[in-house]
Amino acid sequence: MAKRIGLESSLACSEAVRLADADVIAAYPITPQTHIVEHLSELVADGKLDAEFVPVESEHSAMSACVGSSAAGARTFTATSSQGLILMSEIMWIASGMRLAMVMAIANRSLSAPISIWNDHSDIMSIRDCGWIQYFCENGQEVMDLTITGFKISEDPRVMLPVGVNLDGFNLSHVIEPILIPEADEVKAYLPPFKPPYRLDPNDPKTFGSVGVPEVYAELRKQLEEALQDSLPVIEEHWQGFADRFGRAYKPIETDFMDGAEVALVTMGSISETAYTAVKEMREAGKKVGLIRIRLWRPFPVEAFIEAVSAVKQLVVMDRSLSYGGAGGPVATELRALMSARKNMPQTASYIIGLGGRDVTRGDFKEMVEAAPSQIDAGRVYDFFGVKED
């Protein structure tokens, strides 16, 4: 029977890896991810997790070790943040291109310079196109649950792609919440041992990551894209399987207060819980506002999103990252692009918020909803919110 305890979300991630019975953990510490791998090293040292813990000299080496362990058929985990994610990004493309199963927790943190250890989504958005499955957690329970499902999804022979579990640095990673921890036997029944369809074996030699000459490279990239898109129904299947067994359900697109809504906020990550409270208060005040929370970022659930926005007149999209020199935030830019091919889609206001960990309050969400029509009428692509003007 599951037990509920107060637990930091970072440690919930570590406990999920323990329950998943990972074989290899390769990691390098970086704020605010460090608590995850510190706790895992303790679990291994104390004999509570039978795994190889590989302390490496950099995040680049961590991902390289994960590529090797996954290719050899080991259930593999790592974690990182910010500059560490950027350092390992070279090898992340190799992991997805070689169709290797692994799970990585990403404690999202802003990028330098200036140096900032606080949360935004600059790190993950900088490598959003690396071919990994990517989803976002809103609270500690989701960190626990979606880490476990990450192994199930990644190791499915129909998928065989790495999974990135995003949790906001400090705003979520260091927050203590009551979390239900399932029994190990229950997780084992949901998540059987990893049986890779192909692996490095001296008795059955194979080549991984060989040269892709121009005559085959484009075809292999297309195969990766198709594999990532085809993983969507498998992700939904395994999230439903988790719900059937553990009673907690997750969807690629989550919606709240959408009945009769004419305006909808669009959010990702832990800030969605603040947005939920703001929208609830606006509904109680008689305003026709709803909330759309993007859980699955890659592969993007296009049809589920289109269905969610089909009845609203305006979207107010929150980005915690900026595509410098481009058209604003990456989320808003992408949503506009996919809606441009459809008829009768809502107009979109775009806000860049919370960069470098700046607070975004319930009142801020209400203010952005009020200001959205003027942004749209003025034809501005996006606005910074809460930025001091000289």
Protein backbone atom coordinates (compact mmCIF):
# COMPACT_ATOMS: atom_id res chain seq x y z
CA MET A 1 0.00 0.00 0.00
CA ALA A 2 1.32 3.45 -0.88
CA LYS A 3 2.46 5.66 1.99
CA ARG A 4 2.27 9.46 2.12
CA ILE A 5 5.24 11.38 3.48
CA GLY A 6 6.57 14.91 3.31
CA LEU A 7 9.34 14.85 0.73
CA GLU A 8 11.36 17.28 -1.33
CA SER A 9 10.52 16.94 -5.01
CA SER A 10 14.18 16.25 -5.89
CA LEU A 11 14.17 13.33 -3.45
CA ALA A 12 10.86 12.15 -4.89
CA CYS A 13 12.67 11.86 -8.22
CA SER A 14 15.47 9.86 -6.58
CA GLU A 15 12.99 7.56 -4.87
CA ALA A 16 11.24 7.00 -8.19
CA VAL A 17 14.56 5.90 -9.69
CA ARG A 18 15.02 3.54 -6.75
CA LEU A 19 11.56 2.09 -7.26
CA ALA A 20 12.31 1.70 -10.96
CA ASP A 21 15.38 -0.36 -9.96
CA ALA A 22 17.77 1.51 -12.25
CA ASP A 23 21.00 -0.26 -13.16
CA VAL A 24 23.29 2.68 -13.90
CA ILE A 25 23.31 6.29 -12.72
CA ALA A 26 25.93 8.59 -14.23
CA ALA A 27 25.83 12.20 -13.14
CA TYR A 28 27.68 15.38 -12.30
CA PRO A 29 26.34 17.80 -9.67
CA ILE A 30 24.97 21.20 -10.62
CA THR A 31 22.56 23.51 -8.81
CA PRO A 32 19.60 22.99 -8.46
CA GLN A 33 19.78 19.37 -9.61
CA THR A 34 22.35 18.18 -7.09
CA HIS A 35 19.96 16.85 -4.45
CA ILE A 36 18.67 14.25 -6.92
CA VAL A 37 22.00 12.56 -7.52
CA GLU A 38 23.25 13.11 -3.96
CA HIS A 39 20.31 11.11 -2.65
CA LEU A 40 20.81 8.45 -5.30
CA SER A 41 24.45 8.07 -4.31
CA GLU A 42 23.30 7.56 -0.71
CA LEU A 43 20.74 4.96 -1.76
CA VAL A 44 23.43 3.04 -3.66
CA ALA A 45 26.00 3.38 -0.86
CA ASP A 46 23.45 2.19 1.73
CA GLY A 47 22.51 -0.85 -0.35
CA LYS A 48 18.95 0.35 -0.94
CA LEU A 49 19.50 0.45 -4.71
CA ASP A 50 21.60 -2.17 -6.49
CA ALA A 51 23.08 0.05 -9.19
CA GLU A 52 26.36 1.35 -10.51
CA PHE A 53 26.74 5.01 -9.53
CA VAL A 54 29.28 6.59 -11.89
CA PRO A 55 30.68 9.94 -10.66
CA VAL A 56 32.02 11.64 -13.77
CA GLU A 57 34.05 14.77 -14.42
CA SER A 58 31.39 16.66 -16.41
CA GLU A 59 27.88 16.50 -17.78
CA HIS A 60 29.31 15.70 -21.20
CA SER A 61 30.87 12.60 -19.66
CA ALA A 62 27.67 11.79 -17.78
CA MET A 63 25.64 11.59 -20.98
CA SER A 64 28.45 9.69 -22.71
CA ALA A 65 28.40 7.10 -19.92
CA CYS A 66 24.61 6.88 -20.20
CA VAL A 67 24.88 6.22 -23.93
CA GLY A 68 27.26 3.34 -23.25
CA SER A 69 25.24 1.82 -20.42
CA SER A 70 21.96 2.03 -22.32
CA ALA A 71 23.55 0.53 -25.43
CA ALA A 72 24.71 -2.37 -23.25
CA GLY A 73 21.14 -2.96 -22.07
CA ALA A 74 21.16 -1.30 -18.63
CA ARG A 75 18.26 0.73 -17.22
CA THR A 76 19.89 4.16 -17.18
CA PHE A 77 19.28 7.47 -15.40
CA THR A 78 20.95 10.85 -15.11
CA ALA A 79 20.02 14.37 -14.09
CA THR A 80 21.23 17.87 -14.89
CA SER A 81 20.36 21.53 -15.16
CA SER A 82 21.15 24.73 -17.05
CA GLN A 83 24.78 24.96 -18.24
CA GLY A 84 25.17 21.24 -17.56
CA LEU A 85 22.37 20.48 -19.99
CA ILE A 86 24.05 22.63 -22.61
CA LEU A 87 27.39 20.88 -22.04
CA MET A 88 25.83 17.44 -22.54
CA SER A 89 23.65 18.53 -25.47
CA GLU A 90 26.17 17.22 -28.03
CA ILE A 91 25.71 13.68 -26.73
CA MET A 92 21.92 14.04 -26.30
CA TRP A 93 21.59 14.11 -30.08
CA ILE A 94 23.58 10.88 -30.21
CA ALA A 95 21.33 9.23 -27.61
CA SER A 96 18.18 9.94 -29.60
CA GLY A 97 19.78 9.24 -32.98
CA MET A 98 20.91 5.83 -31.75
CA ARG A 99 17.42 5.16 -30.31
CA LEU A 100 18.68 4.55 -26.77
CA ALA A 101 16.35 4.25 -23.79
CA MET A 102 17.16 6.37 -20.72
CA VAL A 103 15.54 8.89 -18.40
CA MET A 104 16.98 12.25 -17.40
CA ALA A 105 15.58 14.65 -14.82
CA ILE A 106 16.13 18.29 -15.77
CA ALA A 107 15.84 20.80 -12.93
CA ASN A 108 15.15 23.75 -15.20
CA ARG A 109 17.34 26.78 -14.57
CA SER A 110 18.18 29.94 -16.47
CA LEU A 111 21.34 30.17 -18.57
CA SER A 112 24.30 32.51 -18.09
CA ALA A 113 25.28 35.30 -18.54
CA PRO A 114 24.63 36.95 -16.15
CA ILE A 115 25.00 34.02 -13.75
CA SER A 116 21.63 32.95 -12.42
CA ILE A 117 20.83 29.82 -10.45
CA TRP A 118 17.09 30.48 -10.54
CA ASN A 119 14.36 28.97 -12.63
CA ASP A 120 13.17 29.55 -16.12
CA HIS A 121 12.95 27.34 -19.22
CA SER A 122 15.92 28.70 -21.19
CA ASP A 123 17.88 25.48 -20.78
CA ILE A 124 15.34 22.97 -22.10
CA MET A 125 14.12 25.28 -24.87
CA SER A 126 17.65 25.58 -26.20
CA ILE A 127 17.68 21.85 -27.00
CA ARG A 128 13.97 21.29 -27.63
CA ASP A 129 14.68 19.81 -31.08
CA CYS A 130 17.17 17.12 -30.02
CA GLY A 131 14.78 14.20 -30.59
CA TRP A 132 13.96 13.43 -26.94
CA ILE A 133 10.53 12.90 -25.44
CA GLN A 134 10.02 15.86 -23.10
CA TYR A 135 7.36 16.58 -20.51
CA PHE A 136 6.83 19.00 -17.63
CA CYS A 137 5.87 18.38 -14.01
CA GLU A 138 3.82 20.74 -11.85
CA ASN A 139 4.35 19.29 -8.35
CA GLY A 140 6.28 16.67 -6.43
CA GLN A 141 3.75 13.90 -6.97
CA GLU A 142 4.06 14.35 -10.70
CA VAL A 143 7.85 14.22 -10.44
CA MET A 144 7.52 10.86 -8.69
CA ASP A 145 4.93 9.44 -11.07
CA LEU A 146 6.26 10.77 -14.37
CA THR A 147 9.80 9.63 -13.62
CA ILE A 148 8.48 6.08 -13.19
CA THR A 149 6.44 6.32 -16.39
CA GLY A 150 9.51 7.73 -18.14
CA PHE A 151 11.26 4.36 -17.92
CA LYS A 152 8.14 2.54 -19.09
CA ILE A 153 7.80 4.79 -22.12
CA SER A 154 11.48 5.03 -23.02
CA GLU A 155 12.06 1.27 -22.88
CA ASP A 156 8.97 0.27 -24.85
CA PRO A 157 10.23 -1.47 -28.04
CA ARG A 158 7.79 0.68 -30.01
CA VAL A 159 9.56 3.80 -28.73
CA MET A 160 13.22 3.31 -27.70
CA LEU A 161 13.85 7.01 -27.22
CA PRO A 162 15.29 8.95 -24.28
CA VAL A 163 12.90 10.82 -21.99
CA GLY A 164 13.49 14.19 -20.31
CA VAL A 165 11.46 14.88 -17.16
CA ASN A 166 11.40 18.64 -16.56
CA LEU A 167 10.88 20.06 -13.08
CA ASP A 168 11.29 23.73 -12.30
CA GLY A 169 14.48 24.43 -10.36
CA PHE A 170 13.94 25.55 -6.75
CA ASN A 171 10.26 26.45 -7.40
CA LEU A 172 9.64 22.72 -7.51
CA SER A 173 12.92 20.84 -7.02
CA HIS A 174 13.46 22.11 -3.46
CA VAL A 175 9.84 22.26 -2.32
CA ILE A 176 8.67 19.74 0.29
CA GLU A 177 5.19 18.36 -0.32
CA PRO A 178 3.11 15.39 0.84
CA ILE A 179 3.83 12.67 -1.72
CA LEU A 180 2.38 9.21 -2.12
CA ILE A 181 5.18 6.69 -2.57
CA PRO A 182 4.00 3.42 -4.13
CA GLU A 183 5.22 0.05 -2.92
CA ALA A 184 8.16 -1.44 -4.77
CA ASP A 185 6.15 -4.52 -5.73
CA GLU A 186 3.47 -2.34 -7.32
CA VAL A 187 6.05 -0.48 -9.39
CA LYS A 188 7.73 -3.74 -10.38
CA ALA A 189 4.39 -5.06 -11.64
CA TYR A 190 3.93 -1.89 -13.72
CA LEU A 191 7.56 -1.67 -14.84
CA PRO A 192 9.12 -5.03 -15.73
CA PRO A 193 12.89 -5.43 -16.24
CA PHE A 194 14.37 -3.72 -19.28
CA LYS A 195 14.69 -6.05 -22.25
CA PRO A 196 16.21 -4.03 -25.10
CA PRO A 197 15.46 -5.22 -28.64
CA TYR A 198 19.10 -4.62 -29.52
CA ARG A 199 22.22 -4.06 -27.41
CA LEU A 200 25.98 -4.27 -27.41
CA ASP A 201 26.98 -7.90 -26.96
CA PRO A 202 30.45 -9.38 -27.67
CA ASN A 203 28.76 -12.62 -28.69
CA ASP A 204 26.47 -10.87 -31.16
CA PRO A 205 28.39 -7.84 -32.49
CA LYS A 206 26.49 -4.78 -33.70
CA THR A 207 27.43 -1.29 -34.81
CA PHE A 208 25.90 1.72 -33.08
CA GLY A 209 26.18 5.24 -34.42
CA SER A 210 28.09 4.52 -37.60
CA VAL A 211 28.78 7.16 -40.26
CA GLY A 212 25.68 8.54 -41.98
CA VAL A 213 26.75 9.44 -45.48
CA PRO A 214 24.57 11.90 -47.44
CA GLU A 215 22.77 9.02 -49.17
CA VAL A 216 21.24 7.81 -45.86
CA TYR A 217 21.45 10.69 -43.35
CA ALA A 218 18.18 12.39 -44.30
CA GLU A 219 16.31 9.07 -44.23
CA LEU A 220 17.64 8.30 -40.74
CA ARG A 221 16.61 11.75 -39.47
CA LYS A 222 13.15 11.20 -40.94
CA GLN A 223 12.95 7.84 -39.17
CA LEU A 224 13.78 9.57 -35.86
CA GLU A 225 11.05 12.14 -36.45
CA GLU A 226 8.54 9.42 -37.26
CA ALA A 227 9.55 7.45 -34.16
CA LEU A 228 9.08 10.52 -31.97
CA GLN A 229 5.67 11.31 -33.47
CA ASP A 230 4.62 7.67 -33.23
CA SER A 231 5.49 7.62 -29.53
CA LEU A 232 2.47 9.82 -28.70
CA PRO A 233 -0.14 7.02 -28.52
CA VAL A 234 2.33 4.87 -26.57
CA ILE A 235 2.84 7.66 -24.04
CA GLU A 236 -0.92 8.02 -23.64
CA GLU A 237 -1.25 4.23 -23.31
CA HIS A 238 1.32 4.02 -20.52
CA TRP A 239 -0.03 7.06 -18.68
CA GLN A 240 -3.45 5.40 -18.78
CA GLY A 241 -1.91 2.16 -17.54
CA PHE A 242 -0.37 4.09 -14.66
CA ALA A 243 -3.75 5.65 -13.87
CA ASP A 244 -5.45 2.25 -13.90
CA ARG A 245 -2.91 0.84 -11.45
CA PHE A 246 -2.14 3.82 -9.19
CA GLY A 247 -5.20 6.05 -9.60
CA ARG A 248 -3.43 9.21 -10.80
CA ALA A 249 -4.10 10.21 -14.41
CA TYR A 250 -2.04 12.40 -16.72
CA LYS A 251 -2.80 13.74 -20.18
CA PRO A 252 -0.62 15.45 -22.81
CA ILE A 253 -2.86 18.53 -22.60
CA GLU A 254 -4.63 19.30 -19.32
CA THR A 255 -7.53 21.77 -19.20
CA ASP A 256 -9.42 23.54 -16.41
CA PHE A 257 -12.43 25.87 -16.38
CA MET A 258 -12.81 25.62 -20.15
CA ASP A 259 -16.62 25.32 -20.22
CA GLY A 260 -17.82 28.58 -21.76
CA ALA A 261 -14.33 30.11 -21.69
CA GLU A 262 -13.60 32.82 -24.24
CA VAL A 263 -10.00 33.41 -23.15
CA ALA A 264 -7.50 30.74 -22.08
CA LEU A 265 -4.14 30.99 -20.36
CA VAL A 266 -1.53 28.53 -21.69
CA THR A 267 1.18 27.46 -19.25
CA MET A 268 3.83 24.79 -18.60
CA GLY A 269 5.49 23.64 -15.41
CA SER A 270 4.96 24.48 -11.76
CA ILE A 271 3.73 27.98 -12.52
CA SER A 272 0.55 26.32 -13.79
CA GLU A 273 -0.60 25.85 -10.19
CA THR A 274 -0.46 29.61 -9.57
CA ALA A 275 -2.25 30.16 -12.87
CA TYR A 276 -4.94 27.68 -11.78
CA THR A 277 -5.68 29.72 -8.67
CA ALA A 278 -5.76 32.96 -10.67
CA VAL A 279 -8.15 31.50 -13.24
CA LYS A 280 -10.37 30.10 -10.48
CA GLU A 281 -10.61 33.57 -8.94
CA MET A 282 -11.37 35.14 -12.32
CA ARG A 283 -14.14 32.61 -12.95
CA GLU A 284 -15.61 33.36 -9.53
CA ALA A 285 -15.60 37.04 -10.53
CA GLY A 286 -17.64 36.18 -13.63
CA LYS A 287 -14.88 36.31 -16.23
CA LYS A 288 -14.91 33.69 -18.99
CA VAL A 289 -11.33 32.52 -18.56
CA GLY A 290 -9.94 28.99 -18.78
CA LEU A 291 -6.57 27.29 -18.40
CA ILE A 292 -4.65 25.00 -20.77
CA ARG A 293 -1.60 23.26 -19.29
CA ILE A 294 0.91 21.69 -21.66
CA ARG A 295 2.19 18.49 -20.04
CA LEU A 296 3.82 16.89 -23.10
CA TRP A 297 6.15 19.15 -25.05
CA ARG A 298 7.73 16.59 -27.36
CA PRO A 299 6.13 15.01 -29.28
CA PHE A 300 3.73 17.92 -29.26
CA PRO A 301 0.10 16.72 -29.01
CA VAL A 302 -1.24 18.82 -31.87
CA GLU A 303 -4.76 17.40 -32.11
CA ALA A 304 -5.35 17.51 -28.35
CA PHE A 305 -4.25 21.13 -28.29
CA ILE A 306 -6.41 22.11 -31.27
CA GLU A 307 -9.40 20.48 -29.60
CA ALA A 308 -8.70 22.35 -26.36
CA VAL A 309 -8.59 25.79 -28.04
CA SER A 310 -11.33 25.27 -30.61
CA ALA A 311 -14.01 27.19 -28.72
CA VAL A 312 -12.01 30.14 -27.32
CA LYS A 313 -11.47 33.54 -28.92
CA GLN A 314 -8.09 34.43 -27.42
CA LEU A 315 -5.06 32.62 -26.04
CA VAL A 316 -2.69 34.20 -23.56
CA VAL A 317 0.54 32.16 -23.83
CA MET A 318 3.19 32.22 -21.12
CA ASP A 319 6.82 31.62 -22.11
CA ARG A 320 9.61 31.35 -19.56
CA SER A 321 12.19 31.55 -22.32
CA LEU A 322 12.95 33.80 -25.27
CA SER A 323 13.99 33.01 -28.85
CA TYR A 324 16.46 35.88 -29.12
CA GLY A 325 16.11 37.82 -32.33
CA GLY A 326 13.08 35.76 -33.31
CA ALA A 327 9.36 36.11 -32.82
CA GLY A 328 9.24 35.97 -29.03
CA GLY A 329 8.75 32.92 -26.87
CA PRO A 330 9.25 29.44 -28.36
CA VAL A 331 5.93 28.10 -27.06
CA ALA A 332 3.84 30.96 -28.44
CA THR A 333 5.72 30.91 -31.75
CA GLU A 334 5.14 27.20 -32.14
CA LEU A 335 1.46 27.40 -31.23
CA ARG A 336 0.87 30.19 -33.71
CA ALA A 337 2.55 28.15 -36.43
CA LEU A 338 0.46 25.04 -35.89
CA MET A 339 -2.77 27.06 -35.67
CA SER A 340 -2.00 29.00 -38.85
CA ALA A 341 -2.92 25.96 -40.95
CA ARG A 342 -6.34 25.66 -39.29
CA LYS A 343 -9.47 27.74 -39.70
CA ASN A 344 -11.27 29.61 -36.92
CA MET A 345 -8.36 29.53 -34.50
CA PRO A 346 -8.08 31.99 -31.60
CA GLN A 347 -5.90 35.08 -31.66
CA THR A 348 -2.77 34.81 -29.54
CA ALA A 349 -1.17 37.17 -27.07
CA SER A 350 2.34 36.20 -25.97
CA TYR A 351 4.12 37.11 -22.74
CA ILE A 352 7.69 36.46 -21.67
CA ILE A 353 7.51 35.95 -17.91
CA GLY A 354 9.51 34.74 -14.94
CA LEU A 355 12.97 34.92 -16.52
CA GLY A 356 15.74 34.22 -14.01
CA GLY A 357 13.26 33.16 -11.36
CA ARG A 358 11.29 36.40 -11.17
CA ASP A 359 8.02 35.89 -9.29
CA VAL A 360 4.76 35.70 -11.22
CA THR A 361 1.71 36.16 -9.01
CA ARG A 362 -2.01 35.52 -9.34
CA GLY A 363 -2.43 39.25 -9.89
CA ASP A 364 0.08 39.17 -12.72
CA PHE A 365 -1.92 36.50 -14.55
CA LYS A 366 -5.06 38.59 -14.18
CA GLU A 367 -3.26 41.66 -15.47
CA MET A 368 -1.99 39.79 -18.53
CA VAL A 369 -5.49 38.56 -19.35
CA GLU A 370 -6.76 42.14 -19.17
CA ALA A 371 -3.92 43.48 -21.33
CA ALA A 372 -4.04 40.74 -23.99
CA PRO A 373 -6.63 42.40 -26.28
CA SER A 374 -4.57 45.58 -26.54
CA GLN A 375 -1.44 43.58 -27.44
CA ILE A 376 -3.36 41.77 -30.17
CA ASP A 377 -4.99 44.96 -31.48
CA ALA A 378 -1.60 46.71 -31.62
CA GLY A 379 -0.13 43.84 -33.61
CA ARG A 380 2.71 43.25 -31.16
CA VAL A 381 4.18 39.75 -31.45
CA TYR A 382 4.98 39.53 -27.73
CA ASP A 383 5.50 41.60 -24.59
CA PHE A 384 7.87 41.24 -21.68
CA PHE A 385 5.84 41.23 -18.49
CA GLY A 386 7.13 42.88 -15.33
CA VAL A 387 10.37 44.15 -16.88
CA LYS A 388 11.54 47.54 -15.59
CA GLU A 389 11.77 50.12 -18.36
CA ASP A 390 14.43 52.87 -18.07
